[in-house]
Amino acid sequence: MTETRISIETFKQNLQPDFRHGGGMGELGSCAEAEPFALQVTDDSMEPEFAKGCIILIDPTGIARDGAYVFAVDHQGEYIFRQLRIFDGRHILAALNENYPFIEISGLDRVEGVITQRAGKRRSYHKRYDQ
């Protein structure tokens, strides 16, 4: 079982040119940083809720609260998709698959976006998380 993490530089290099040069995530100066974007889930760390291969929609302006699914920067400086859990002022990124460890982050400033939707091959798999 291998966990997928994406280095920030690799992620930014693979973005559309308008987004990459227009400010981007974590940098002020462009409305592009507020645009939702989609990514494909590439491992089983968030199963059963998010199957490998499904598409998730991430809103950089979404409100991160306890229990939200988030796209965040971990302590190694890499992007990761997890569920945010907040206990006694501690911010934990938790995989739904119990074979993956919890990751503690310094705070909500490490959250780059909130997952608002998932989509798959069948319409019945589509689900919203922002309601």
N, C-alpha and C. Protein backbone atom coordinates (compact mmCIF):
# COMPACT_ATOMS: atom_id res chain seq x y z
N MET A 1 0.85 -1.16 0.00
CA MET A 1 0.00 0.00 0.00
C MET A 1 0.90 1.23 0.00
N THR A 2 0.72 2.09 -0.98
CA THR A 2 1.51 3.31 -1.03
C THR A 2 0.58 4.51 -0.98
N GLU A 3 1.01 5.47 -0.24
CA GLU A 3 0.24 6.69 -0.07
C GLU A 3 0.69 7.70 -1.11
N THR A 4 -0.25 8.42 -1.69
CA THR A 4 0.08 9.42 -2.69
C THR A 4 0.16 10.79 -2.04
N ARG A 5 1.30 11.41 -2.22
CA ARG A 5 1.51 12.79 -1.80
C ARG A 5 2.08 13.52 -2.99
N ILE A 6 1.77 14.77 -3.11
CA ILE A 6 2.23 15.57 -4.24
C ILE A 6 3.05 16.72 -3.71
N SER A 7 4.29 16.84 -4.20
CA SER A 7 5.09 17.98 -3.77
C SER A 7 4.46 19.25 -4.31
N ILE A 8 4.60 20.31 -3.58
CA ILE A 8 4.00 21.59 -3.98
C ILE A 8 4.56 22.05 -5.32
N GLU A 9 5.86 21.91 -5.53
CA GLU A 9 6.46 22.34 -6.80
C GLU A 9 5.93 21.52 -7.97
N THR A 10 5.81 20.20 -7.81
CA THR A 10 5.27 19.35 -8.87
C THR A 10 3.84 19.74 -9.18
N PHE A 11 3.04 19.98 -8.14
CA PHE A 11 1.65 20.37 -8.33
C PHE A 11 1.57 21.67 -9.12
N LYS A 12 2.34 22.67 -8.72
CA LYS A 12 2.29 23.97 -9.39
C LYS A 12 2.80 23.89 -10.82
N GLN A 13 3.78 23.05 -11.08
CA GLN A 13 4.31 22.90 -12.43
C GLN A 13 3.28 22.29 -13.37
N ASN A 14 2.38 21.48 -12.84
CA ASN A 14 1.38 20.81 -13.66
C ASN A 14 0.07 21.57 -13.79
N LEU A 15 -0.02 22.75 -13.18
CA LEU A 15 -1.23 23.56 -13.28
C LEU A 15 -1.31 24.22 -14.64
N GLN A 16 -2.51 24.63 -14.99
CA GLN A 16 -2.71 25.38 -16.21
C GLN A 16 -1.88 26.67 -16.14
N PRO A 17 -1.28 27.14 -17.23
CA PRO A 17 -0.43 28.33 -17.19
C PRO A 17 -1.11 29.56 -16.59
N ASP A 18 -2.39 29.80 -16.88
CA ASP A 18 -3.07 30.97 -16.33
C ASP A 18 -3.15 30.92 -14.82
N PHE A 19 -3.38 29.75 -14.28
CA PHE A 19 -3.47 29.59 -12.83
C PHE A 19 -2.09 29.71 -12.19
N ARG A 20 -1.09 29.05 -12.82
CA ARG A 20 0.27 29.02 -12.27
C ARG A 20 0.87 30.42 -12.20
N HIS A 21 0.67 31.23 -13.23
CA HIS A 21 1.29 32.55 -13.26
C HIS A 21 0.38 33.65 -12.72
N GLY A 22 -0.87 33.33 -12.45
CA GLY A 22 -1.80 34.35 -12.00
C GLY A 22 -1.94 34.45 -10.50
N GLY A 23 -1.04 33.89 -9.77
CA GLY A 23 -1.15 33.96 -8.31
C GLY A 23 -1.11 32.58 -7.73
N GLY A 24 -2.15 31.81 -7.99
CA GLY A 24 -2.16 30.43 -7.53
C GLY A 24 -2.49 30.28 -6.07
N MET A 25 -2.36 29.06 -5.62
CA MET A 25 -2.73 28.73 -4.26
C MET A 25 -1.74 29.32 -3.28
N GLY A 26 -2.26 29.94 -2.26
CA GLY A 26 -1.43 30.47 -1.20
C GLY A 26 -0.73 31.78 -1.53
N GLU A 27 -0.95 32.32 -2.69
CA GLU A 27 -0.33 33.58 -3.08
C GLU A 27 -1.42 34.55 -3.46
N LEU A 28 -1.35 35.76 -2.94
CA LEU A 28 -2.37 36.76 -3.24
C LEU A 28 -2.09 37.44 -4.57
N GLY A 29 -3.12 38.01 -5.17
CA GLY A 29 -2.91 38.80 -6.37
C GLY A 29 -3.71 38.36 -7.56
N SER A 30 -4.53 37.36 -7.46
CA SER A 30 -5.30 36.91 -8.60
C SER A 30 -6.60 36.28 -8.15
N CYS A 31 -7.62 36.44 -9.00
CA CYS A 31 -8.89 35.78 -8.69
C CYS A 31 -8.79 34.29 -8.95
N ALA A 32 -7.73 33.85 -9.68
CA ALA A 32 -7.57 32.42 -9.97
C ALA A 32 -7.42 31.61 -8.69
N GLU A 33 -6.89 32.20 -7.64
CA GLU A 33 -6.71 31.46 -6.40
C GLU A 33 -8.04 31.10 -5.76
N ALA A 34 -9.13 31.77 -6.14
CA ALA A 34 -10.44 31.49 -5.57
C ALA A 34 -11.26 30.54 -6.44
N GLU A 35 -10.73 30.13 -7.59
CA GLU A 35 -11.46 29.25 -8.49
C GLU A 35 -11.39 27.80 -8.02
N PRO A 36 -12.53 27.11 -7.96
CA PRO A 36 -12.51 25.69 -7.64
C PRO A 36 -11.74 24.91 -8.71
N PHE A 37 -11.16 23.79 -8.32
CA PHE A 37 -10.45 22.95 -9.27
C PHE A 37 -10.71 21.49 -8.92
N ALA A 38 -10.46 20.62 -9.88
CA ALA A 38 -10.74 19.19 -9.71
C ALA A 38 -9.44 18.40 -9.73
N LEU A 39 -9.41 17.33 -8.94
CA LEU A 39 -8.30 16.40 -8.91
C LEU A 39 -8.86 14.98 -8.87
N GLN A 40 -8.05 14.03 -9.30
CA GLN A 40 -8.43 12.63 -9.24
C GLN A 40 -7.78 11.99 -8.02
N VAL A 41 -8.53 11.21 -7.28
CA VAL A 41 -8.01 10.47 -6.13
C VAL A 41 -7.16 9.33 -6.68
N THR A 42 -5.91 9.25 -6.20
CA THR A 42 -4.98 8.28 -6.79
C THR A 42 -4.57 7.14 -5.86
N ASP A 43 -5.16 7.08 -4.66
CA ASP A 43 -4.86 5.96 -3.77
C ASP A 43 -6.10 5.58 -2.98
N ASP A 44 -5.95 4.62 -2.09
CA ASP A 44 -7.10 4.12 -1.33
C ASP A 44 -7.19 4.69 0.08
N SER A 45 -6.43 5.74 0.38
CA SER A 45 -6.38 6.28 1.74
C SER A 45 -7.70 6.85 2.23
N MET A 46 -8.59 7.26 1.31
CA MET A 46 -9.85 7.86 1.72
C MET A 46 -11.06 6.97 1.40
N GLU A 47 -10.79 5.70 1.14
CA GLU A 47 -11.89 4.75 0.94
C GLU A 47 -12.47 4.38 2.29
N PRO A 48 -13.74 4.13 2.39
CA PRO A 48 -14.67 3.85 1.30
C PRO A 48 -15.41 5.08 0.74
N GLU A 49 -15.30 6.22 1.38
CA GLU A 49 -16.05 7.40 0.92
C GLU A 49 -15.57 7.90 -0.44
N PHE A 50 -14.26 7.86 -0.68
CA PHE A 50 -13.69 8.35 -1.93
C PHE A 50 -12.86 7.23 -2.55
N ALA A 51 -13.42 6.58 -3.55
CA ALA A 51 -12.74 5.46 -4.21
C ALA A 51 -11.59 5.95 -5.07
N LYS A 52 -10.58 5.14 -5.18
CA LYS A 52 -9.46 5.43 -6.07
C LYS A 52 -10.01 5.67 -7.47
N GLY A 53 -9.59 6.77 -8.08
CA GLY A 53 -10.05 7.10 -9.43
C GLY A 53 -11.19 8.09 -9.48
N CYS A 54 -11.86 8.34 -8.35
CA CYS A 54 -12.96 9.31 -8.39
C CYS A 54 -12.39 10.73 -8.51
N ILE A 55 -13.22 11.64 -8.91
CA ILE A 55 -12.83 13.04 -9.07
C ILE A 55 -13.40 13.84 -7.90
N ILE A 56 -12.55 14.69 -7.32
CA ILE A 56 -13.02 15.56 -6.24
C ILE A 56 -12.90 17.01 -6.69
N LEU A 57 -13.87 17.83 -6.28
CA LEU A 57 -13.86 19.25 -6.58
C LEU A 57 -13.44 19.98 -5.31
N ILE A 58 -12.43 20.82 -5.43
CA ILE A 58 -11.84 21.52 -4.28
C ILE A 58 -12.11 23.01 -4.40
N ASP A 59 -12.67 23.59 -3.33
CA ASP A 59 -12.95 25.02 -3.28
C ASP A 59 -11.93 25.69 -2.36
N PRO A 60 -11.01 26.49 -2.91
CA PRO A 60 -10.01 27.16 -2.09
C PRO A 60 -10.60 28.16 -1.10
N THR A 61 -11.84 28.57 -1.31
CA THR A 61 -12.47 29.53 -0.40
C THR A 61 -13.41 28.86 0.60
N GLY A 62 -13.47 27.53 0.56
CA GLY A 62 -14.36 26.80 1.46
C GLY A 62 -13.93 26.94 2.92
N ILE A 63 -14.88 26.76 3.80
CA ILE A 63 -14.61 26.89 5.23
C ILE A 63 -14.22 25.53 5.79
N ALA A 64 -13.01 25.47 6.34
CA ALA A 64 -12.51 24.22 6.93
C ALA A 64 -12.97 24.15 8.38
N ARG A 65 -13.72 23.11 8.68
CA ARG A 65 -14.19 22.88 10.05
C ARG A 65 -14.01 21.41 10.37
N ASP A 66 -14.17 21.07 11.62
CA ASP A 66 -14.00 19.69 12.05
C ASP A 66 -14.90 18.77 11.22
N GLY A 67 -14.32 17.73 10.66
CA GLY A 67 -15.06 16.77 9.87
C GLY A 67 -15.04 17.03 8.38
N ALA A 68 -14.58 18.22 7.96
CA ALA A 68 -14.53 18.55 6.53
C ALA A 68 -13.43 17.74 5.84
N TYR A 69 -13.64 17.46 4.58
CA TYR A 69 -12.60 16.84 3.76
C TYR A 69 -11.81 17.98 3.15
N VAL A 70 -10.48 17.91 3.30
CA VAL A 70 -9.65 19.04 2.91
C VAL A 70 -8.47 18.61 2.04
N PHE A 71 -7.95 19.58 1.32
CA PHE A 71 -6.71 19.48 0.56
C PHE A 71 -5.75 20.38 1.31
N ALA A 72 -4.71 19.81 1.90
CA ALA A 72 -3.85 20.56 2.82
C ALA A 72 -2.38 20.29 2.55
N VAL A 73 -1.55 21.11 3.18
CA VAL A 73 -0.10 20.93 3.12
C VAL A 73 0.32 20.25 4.41
N ASP A 74 0.99 19.11 4.29
CA ASP A 74 1.42 18.38 5.49
C ASP A 74 2.74 18.94 6.02
N HIS A 75 3.27 18.31 7.06
CA HIS A 75 4.51 18.77 7.69
C HIS A 75 5.74 18.56 6.81
N GLN A 76 5.61 17.80 5.73
CA GLN A 76 6.71 17.60 4.79
C GLN A 76 6.64 18.57 3.62
N GLY A 77 5.66 19.48 3.66
CA GLY A 77 5.51 20.45 2.58
C GLY A 77 4.90 19.87 1.32
N GLU A 78 4.08 18.83 1.47
CA GLU A 78 3.43 18.20 0.33
C GLU A 78 1.92 18.29 0.49
N TYR A 79 1.21 18.32 -0.66
CA TYR A 79 -0.25 18.35 -0.63
C TYR A 79 -0.79 16.96 -0.32
N ILE A 80 -1.86 16.94 0.44
CA ILE A 80 -2.48 15.67 0.81
C ILE A 80 -3.98 15.89 1.00
N PHE A 81 -4.77 14.87 0.69
CA PHE A 81 -6.23 14.91 0.80
C PHE A 81 -6.61 14.06 2.01
N ARG A 82 -7.29 14.69 2.97
CA ARG A 82 -7.68 14.00 4.20
C ARG A 82 -8.92 14.63 4.82
N GLN A 83 -9.40 14.00 5.87
CA GLN A 83 -10.49 14.58 6.67
C GLN A 83 -9.85 15.35 7.82
N LEU A 84 -10.30 16.58 8.01
CA LEU A 84 -9.79 17.42 9.09
C LEU A 84 -10.52 17.08 10.39
N ARG A 85 -9.76 16.79 11.42
CA ARG A 85 -10.32 16.56 12.75
C ARG A 85 -9.66 17.55 13.70
N ILE A 86 -10.46 18.19 14.53
CA ILE A 86 -9.93 19.17 15.48
C ILE A 86 -10.29 18.70 16.89
N PHE A 87 -9.25 18.43 17.68
CA PHE A 87 -9.41 17.95 19.06
C PHE A 87 -8.55 18.81 19.98
N ASP A 88 -9.16 19.42 20.97
CA ASP A 88 -8.41 20.19 21.97
C ASP A 88 -7.41 21.15 21.33
N GLY A 89 -7.81 21.83 20.28
CA GLY A 89 -6.95 22.79 19.61
C GLY A 89 -5.91 22.19 18.68
N ARG A 90 -5.86 20.87 18.58
CA ARG A 90 -4.94 20.19 17.66
C ARG A 90 -5.65 19.94 16.34
N HIS A 91 -4.93 20.10 15.23
CA HIS A 91 -5.48 19.90 13.90
C HIS A 91 -4.86 18.64 13.30
N ILE A 92 -5.73 17.65 13.06
CA ILE A 92 -5.28 16.35 12.60
C ILE A 92 -5.86 16.08 11.21
N LEU A 93 -5.02 15.56 10.31
CA LEU A 93 -5.48 15.09 9.00
C LEU A 93 -5.61 13.58 9.10
N ALA A 94 -6.82 13.09 8.95
CA ALA A 94 -7.10 11.67 9.15
C ALA A 94 -7.52 11.01 7.84
N ALA A 95 -6.91 9.88 7.55
CA ALA A 95 -7.34 9.06 6.42
C ALA A 95 -8.56 8.25 6.88
N LEU A 96 -9.46 7.97 5.98
CA LEU A 96 -10.61 7.13 6.32
C LEU A 96 -10.22 5.66 6.36
N ASN A 97 -9.21 5.30 5.58
CA ASN A 97 -8.68 3.94 5.58
C ASN A 97 -7.74 3.84 6.79
N GLU A 98 -8.06 2.95 7.71
CA GLU A 98 -7.32 2.86 8.97
C GLU A 98 -5.88 2.39 8.80
N ASN A 99 -5.48 2.00 7.61
CA ASN A 99 -4.10 1.57 7.37
C ASN A 99 -3.14 2.75 7.17
N TYR A 100 -3.65 3.96 7.20
CA TYR A 100 -2.82 5.15 7.02
C TYR A 100 -2.77 5.94 8.34
N PRO A 101 -1.63 6.53 8.65
CA PRO A 101 -1.49 7.24 9.93
C PRO A 101 -2.16 8.61 9.92
N PHE A 102 -2.44 9.11 11.12
CA PHE A 102 -2.90 10.48 11.29
C PHE A 102 -1.71 11.40 11.08
N ILE A 103 -1.98 12.62 10.63
CA ILE A 103 -0.94 13.61 10.44
C ILE A 103 -1.37 14.87 11.15
N GLU A 104 -0.56 15.37 12.05
CA GLU A 104 -0.89 16.62 12.73
C GLU A 104 -0.31 17.79 11.94
N ILE A 105 -1.12 18.84 11.78
CA ILE A 105 -0.65 20.06 11.13
C ILE A 105 -0.73 21.20 12.13
N SER A 106 -0.05 22.29 11.81
CA SER A 106 0.06 23.40 12.75
C SER A 106 -1.23 24.19 12.92
N GLY A 107 -2.12 24.16 11.94
CA GLY A 107 -3.37 24.91 12.05
C GLY A 107 -4.09 25.00 10.72
N LEU A 108 -5.17 25.78 10.71
CA LEU A 108 -5.99 25.91 9.51
C LEU A 108 -5.27 26.61 8.37
N ASP A 109 -4.19 27.32 8.67
CA ASP A 109 -3.42 27.98 7.62
C ASP A 109 -2.79 26.96 6.66
N ARG A 110 -2.73 25.69 7.04
CA ARG A 110 -2.18 24.63 6.19
C ARG A 110 -3.23 24.07 5.23
N VAL A 111 -4.48 24.43 5.41
CA VAL A 111 -5.57 23.95 4.54
C VAL A 111 -5.64 24.85 3.32
N GLU A 112 -5.55 24.23 2.13
CA GLU A 112 -5.56 24.97 0.87
C GLU A 112 -6.93 24.96 0.20
N GLY A 113 -7.81 24.09 0.63
CA GLY A 113 -9.14 24.03 0.05
C GLY A 113 -9.98 22.95 0.70
N VAL A 114 -11.28 23.05 0.49
CA VAL A 114 -12.24 22.12 1.06
C VAL A 114 -12.92 21.37 -0.08
N ILE A 115 -13.04 20.06 0.08
CA ILE A 115 -13.69 19.24 -0.95
C ILE A 115 -15.19 19.50 -0.88
N THR A 116 -15.77 19.89 -2.00
CA THR A 116 -17.19 20.21 -2.04
C THR A 116 -18.02 19.16 -2.78
N GLN A 117 -17.37 18.37 -3.66
CA GLN A 117 -18.10 17.37 -4.43
C GLN A 117 -17.18 16.21 -4.77
N ARG A 118 -17.81 15.05 -5.04
CA ARG A 118 -17.08 13.94 -5.63
C ARG A 118 -17.89 13.44 -6.81
N ALA A 119 -17.21 12.90 -7.78
CA ALA A 119 -17.87 12.36 -8.97
C ALA A 119 -17.15 11.10 -9.40
N GLY A 120 -17.89 10.21 -10.01
CA GLY A 120 -17.33 8.97 -10.53
C GLY A 120 -17.99 8.61 -11.83
N LYS A 121 -17.81 7.37 -12.22
CA LYS A 121 -18.35 6.92 -13.51
C LYS A 121 -19.87 6.84 -13.52
N ARG A 122 -20.46 6.59 -12.37
CA ARG A 122 -21.92 6.49 -12.31
C ARG A 122 -22.51 7.71 -11.62
N ARG A 123 -23.62 8.15 -12.11
CA ARG A 123 -24.27 9.33 -11.54
C ARG A 123 -24.63 9.11 -10.07
N SER A 124 -24.95 7.89 -9.70
CA SER A 124 -25.32 7.60 -8.32
C SER A 124 -24.15 7.80 -7.35
N TYR A 125 -22.92 7.86 -7.88
CA TYR A 125 -21.74 8.03 -7.04
C TYR A 125 -21.49 9.51 -6.73
N HIS A 126 -22.10 10.41 -7.49
CA HIS A 126 -21.90 11.85 -7.30
C HIS A 126 -22.47 12.27 -5.95
N LYS A 127 -21.73 13.13 -5.25
CA LYS A 127 -22.17 13.58 -3.93
C LYS A 127 -21.61 14.96 -3.66
N ARG A 128 -22.40 15.78 -2.96
CA ARG A 128 -21.96 17.12 -2.54
C ARG A 128 -21.64 17.12 -1.05
N TYR A 129 -20.65 17.92 -0.68
CA TYR A 129 -20.24 18.01 0.73
C TYR A 129 -20.37 19.42 1.29
N ASP A 130 -20.88 20.34 0.52
CA ASP A 130 -20.96 21.74 0.95
C ASP A 130 -22.35 22.15 1.36
N GLN A 131 -23.22 21.22 1.62
CA GLN A 131 -24.59 21.57 1.99
C GLN A 131 -24.84 21.32 3.45
